[in-house]
């Protein structure tokens, strides 16, 4: 029997801002690991700049949680960013 082959799955996810026909901007998490663009999650949509920035921060947090990588906050910038959101 041999050793089972290990498959390496590279996650190629990114944040996309897409302007809809109505003028509203949707914030989406896109996966391109299979060669095709697949919408993994729609974070939300808005036409107001402040709400779009909040949705972008939520999308960044979602990507960080989905990647499984740890992030160390040595300078306190994460706490400052979270206090601006809430």
C-alpha atoms as a PDB file:
ATOM      1  CA  UNK A   1       0.000   0.000   0.000  1.00  0.00           C
ATOM      2  CA  UNK A   2       1.931   3.240  -0.027  1.00  0.00           C
ATOM      3  CA  UNK A   3       1.574   6.487   1.709  1.00  0.00           C
ATOM      4  CA  UNK A   4      -1.568   8.339   0.696  1.00  0.00           C
ATOM      5  CA  UNK A   5      -0.867  11.366  -1.424  1.00  0.00           C
ATOM      6  CA  UNK A   6      -1.126  14.666   0.390  1.00  0.00           C
ATOM      7  CA  UNK A   7      -3.120  17.326  -1.351  1.00  0.00           C
ATOM      8  CA  UNK A   8      -2.220  20.937  -0.747  1.00  0.00           C
ATOM      9  CA  UNK A   9      -5.144  23.305  -1.046  1.00  0.00           C
ATOM     10  CA  UNK A  10      -4.111  26.889  -1.473  1.00  0.00           C
ATOM     11  CA  UNK A  11      -6.802  29.246  -0.347  1.00  0.00           C
ATOM     12  CA  UNK A  12      -6.953  32.142  -2.738  1.00  0.00           C
ATOM     13  CA  UNK A  13      -9.632  34.246  -1.165  1.00  0.00           C
ATOM     14  CA  UNK A  14      -9.954  37.970  -1.408  1.00  0.00           C
ATOM     15  CA  UNK A  15     -12.422  40.802  -0.836  1.00  0.00           C
ATOM     16  CA  UNK A  16     -14.340  42.196  -3.780  1.00  0.00           C
ATOM     17  CA  UNK A  17     -16.324  45.438  -3.904  1.00  0.00           C
ATOM     18  CA  UNK A  18     -18.911  45.105  -6.644  1.00  0.00           C
ATOM     19  CA  UNK A  19     -21.172  47.926  -7.745  1.00  0.00           C
ATOM     20  CA  UNK A  20     -24.675  46.652  -8.497  1.00  0.00           C
ATOM     21  CA  UNK A  21     -27.056  48.058 -11.119  1.00  0.00           C
ATOM     22  CA  UNK A  22     -28.839  50.022  -8.396  1.00  0.00           C
ATOM     23  CA  UNK A  23     -25.603  51.777  -7.423  1.00  0.00           C
ATOM     24  CA  UNK A  24     -25.216  49.901  -4.148  1.00  0.00           C
ATOM     25  CA  UNK A  25     -21.783  48.394  -3.452  1.00  0.00           C
ATOM     26  CA  UNK A  26     -21.687  44.763  -2.292  1.00  0.00           C
ATOM     27  CA  UNK A  27     -18.776  43.469  -0.225  1.00  0.00           C
ATOM     28  CA  UNK A  28     -18.065  39.824  -1.041  1.00  0.00           C
ATOM     29  CA  UNK A  29     -15.525  37.159  -0.139  1.00  0.00           C
ATOM     30  CA  UNK A  30     -14.336  35.536  -3.365  1.00  0.00           C
ATOM     31  CA  UNK A  31     -12.524  32.197  -3.670  1.00  0.00           C
ATOM     32  CA  UNK A  32     -10.458  31.416  -6.749  1.00  0.00           C
ATOM     33  CA  UNK A  33      -8.691  28.266  -5.558  1.00  0.00           C
ATOM     34  CA  UNK A  34     -10.444  26.082  -8.152  1.00  0.00           C
ATOM     35  CA  UNK A  35      -9.646  28.410 -11.046  1.00  0.00           C
ATOM     36  CA  UNK A  36     -13.110  29.952 -11.142  1.00  0.00           C
ATOM     37  CA  UNK A  37     -14.430  32.886  -9.160  1.00  0.00           C
ATOM     38  CA  UNK A  38     -16.845  31.624  -6.494  1.00  0.00           C
ATOM     39  CA  UNK A  39     -18.659  33.899  -4.046  1.00  0.00           C
ATOM     40  CA  UNK A  40     -18.044  32.292  -0.648  1.00  0.00           C
ATOM     41  CA  UNK A  41     -19.845  34.895   1.421  1.00  0.00           C
ATOM     42  CA  UNK A  42     -21.570  38.216   0.932  1.00  0.00           C
ATOM     43  CA  UNK A  43     -20.753  40.401   3.916  1.00  0.00           C
ATOM     44  CA  UNK A  44     -23.288  43.089   3.079  1.00  0.00           C
ATOM     45  CA  UNK A  45     -24.064  46.006   0.825  1.00  0.00           C
ATOM     46  CA  UNK A  46     -24.513  49.749   1.168  1.00  0.00           C
ATOM     47  CA  UNK A  47     -24.286  53.009  -0.720  1.00  0.00           C
ATOM     48  CA  UNK A  48     -22.866  54.984   2.239  1.00  0.00           C
ATOM     49  CA  UNK A  49     -19.091  55.303   2.556  1.00  0.00           C
ATOM     50  CA  UNK A  50     -19.060  54.846   6.352  1.00  0.00           C
ATOM     51  CA  UNK A  51     -21.081  51.622   6.169  1.00  0.00           C
ATOM     52  CA  UNK A  52     -18.892  50.308   3.339  1.00  0.00           C
ATOM     53  CA  UNK A  53     -15.793  50.846   5.506  1.00  0.00           C
ATOM     54  CA  UNK A  54     -17.418  48.912   8.354  1.00  0.00           C
ATOM     55  CA  UNK A  55     -18.312  46.079   5.974  1.00  0.00           C
ATOM     56  CA  UNK A  56     -14.728  46.010   4.683  1.00  0.00           C
ATOM     57  CA  UNK A  57     -13.420  45.646   8.239  1.00  0.00           C
ATOM     58  CA  UNK A  58     -15.875  42.778   8.834  1.00  0.00           C
ATOM     59  CA  UNK A  59     -14.680  41.138   5.618  1.00  0.00           C
ATOM     60  CA  UNK A  60     -11.034  41.454   6.700  1.00  0.00           C
ATOM     61  CA  UNK A  61     -11.892  39.862  10.041  1.00  0.00           C
ATOM     62  CA  UNK A  62     -13.727  37.031   8.254  1.00  0.00           C
ATOM     63  CA  UNK A  63     -10.679  36.358   6.057  1.00  0.00           C
ATOM     64  CA  UNK A  64      -8.397  36.287   9.080  1.00  0.00           C
ATOM     65  CA  UNK A  65     -10.652  33.806  10.874  1.00  0.00           C
ATOM     66  CA  UNK A  66     -11.039  31.649   7.765  1.00  0.00           C
ATOM     67  CA  UNK A  67      -7.312  31.434   7.070  1.00  0.00           C
ATOM     68  CA  UNK A  68      -6.464  29.890  10.431  1.00  0.00           C
ATOM     69  CA  UNK A  69      -3.375  32.066  10.785  1.00  0.00           C
ATOM     70  CA  UNK A  70      -2.557  33.770  14.050  1.00  0.00           C
ATOM     71  CA  UNK A  71      -1.927  37.480  14.221  1.00  0.00           C
ATOM     72  CA  UNK A  72       0.019  39.111  17.021  1.00  0.00           C
ATOM     73  CA  UNK A  73      -0.826  42.681  17.916  1.00  0.00           C
ATOM     74  CA  UNK A  74       2.417  44.170  19.216  1.00  0.00           C
ATOM     75  CA  UNK A  75       1.541  47.835  18.784  1.00  0.00           C
ATOM     76  CA  UNK A  76      -2.142  47.823  19.833  1.00  0.00           C
ATOM     77  CA  UNK A  77      -3.474  48.764  16.387  1.00  0.00           C
ATOM     78  CA  UNK A  78      -6.145  46.039  16.443  1.00  0.00           C
ATOM     79  CA  UNK A  79      -7.669  47.364  19.657  1.00  0.00           C
ATOM     80  CA  UNK A  80      -7.705  50.878  18.207  1.00  0.00           C
ATOM     81  CA  UNK A  81      -9.390  49.678  15.021  1.00  0.00           C
ATOM     82  CA  UNK A  82     -12.068  47.752  16.932  1.00  0.00           C
ATOM     83  CA  UNK A  83     -12.862  50.738  19.134  1.00  0.00           C
ATOM     84  CA  UNK A  84     -13.567  52.808  15.974  1.00  0.00           C
ATOM     85  CA  UNK A  85     -15.963  50.165  14.620  1.00  0.00           C
ATOM     86  CA  UNK A  86     -18.057  49.874  17.764  1.00  0.00           C
END
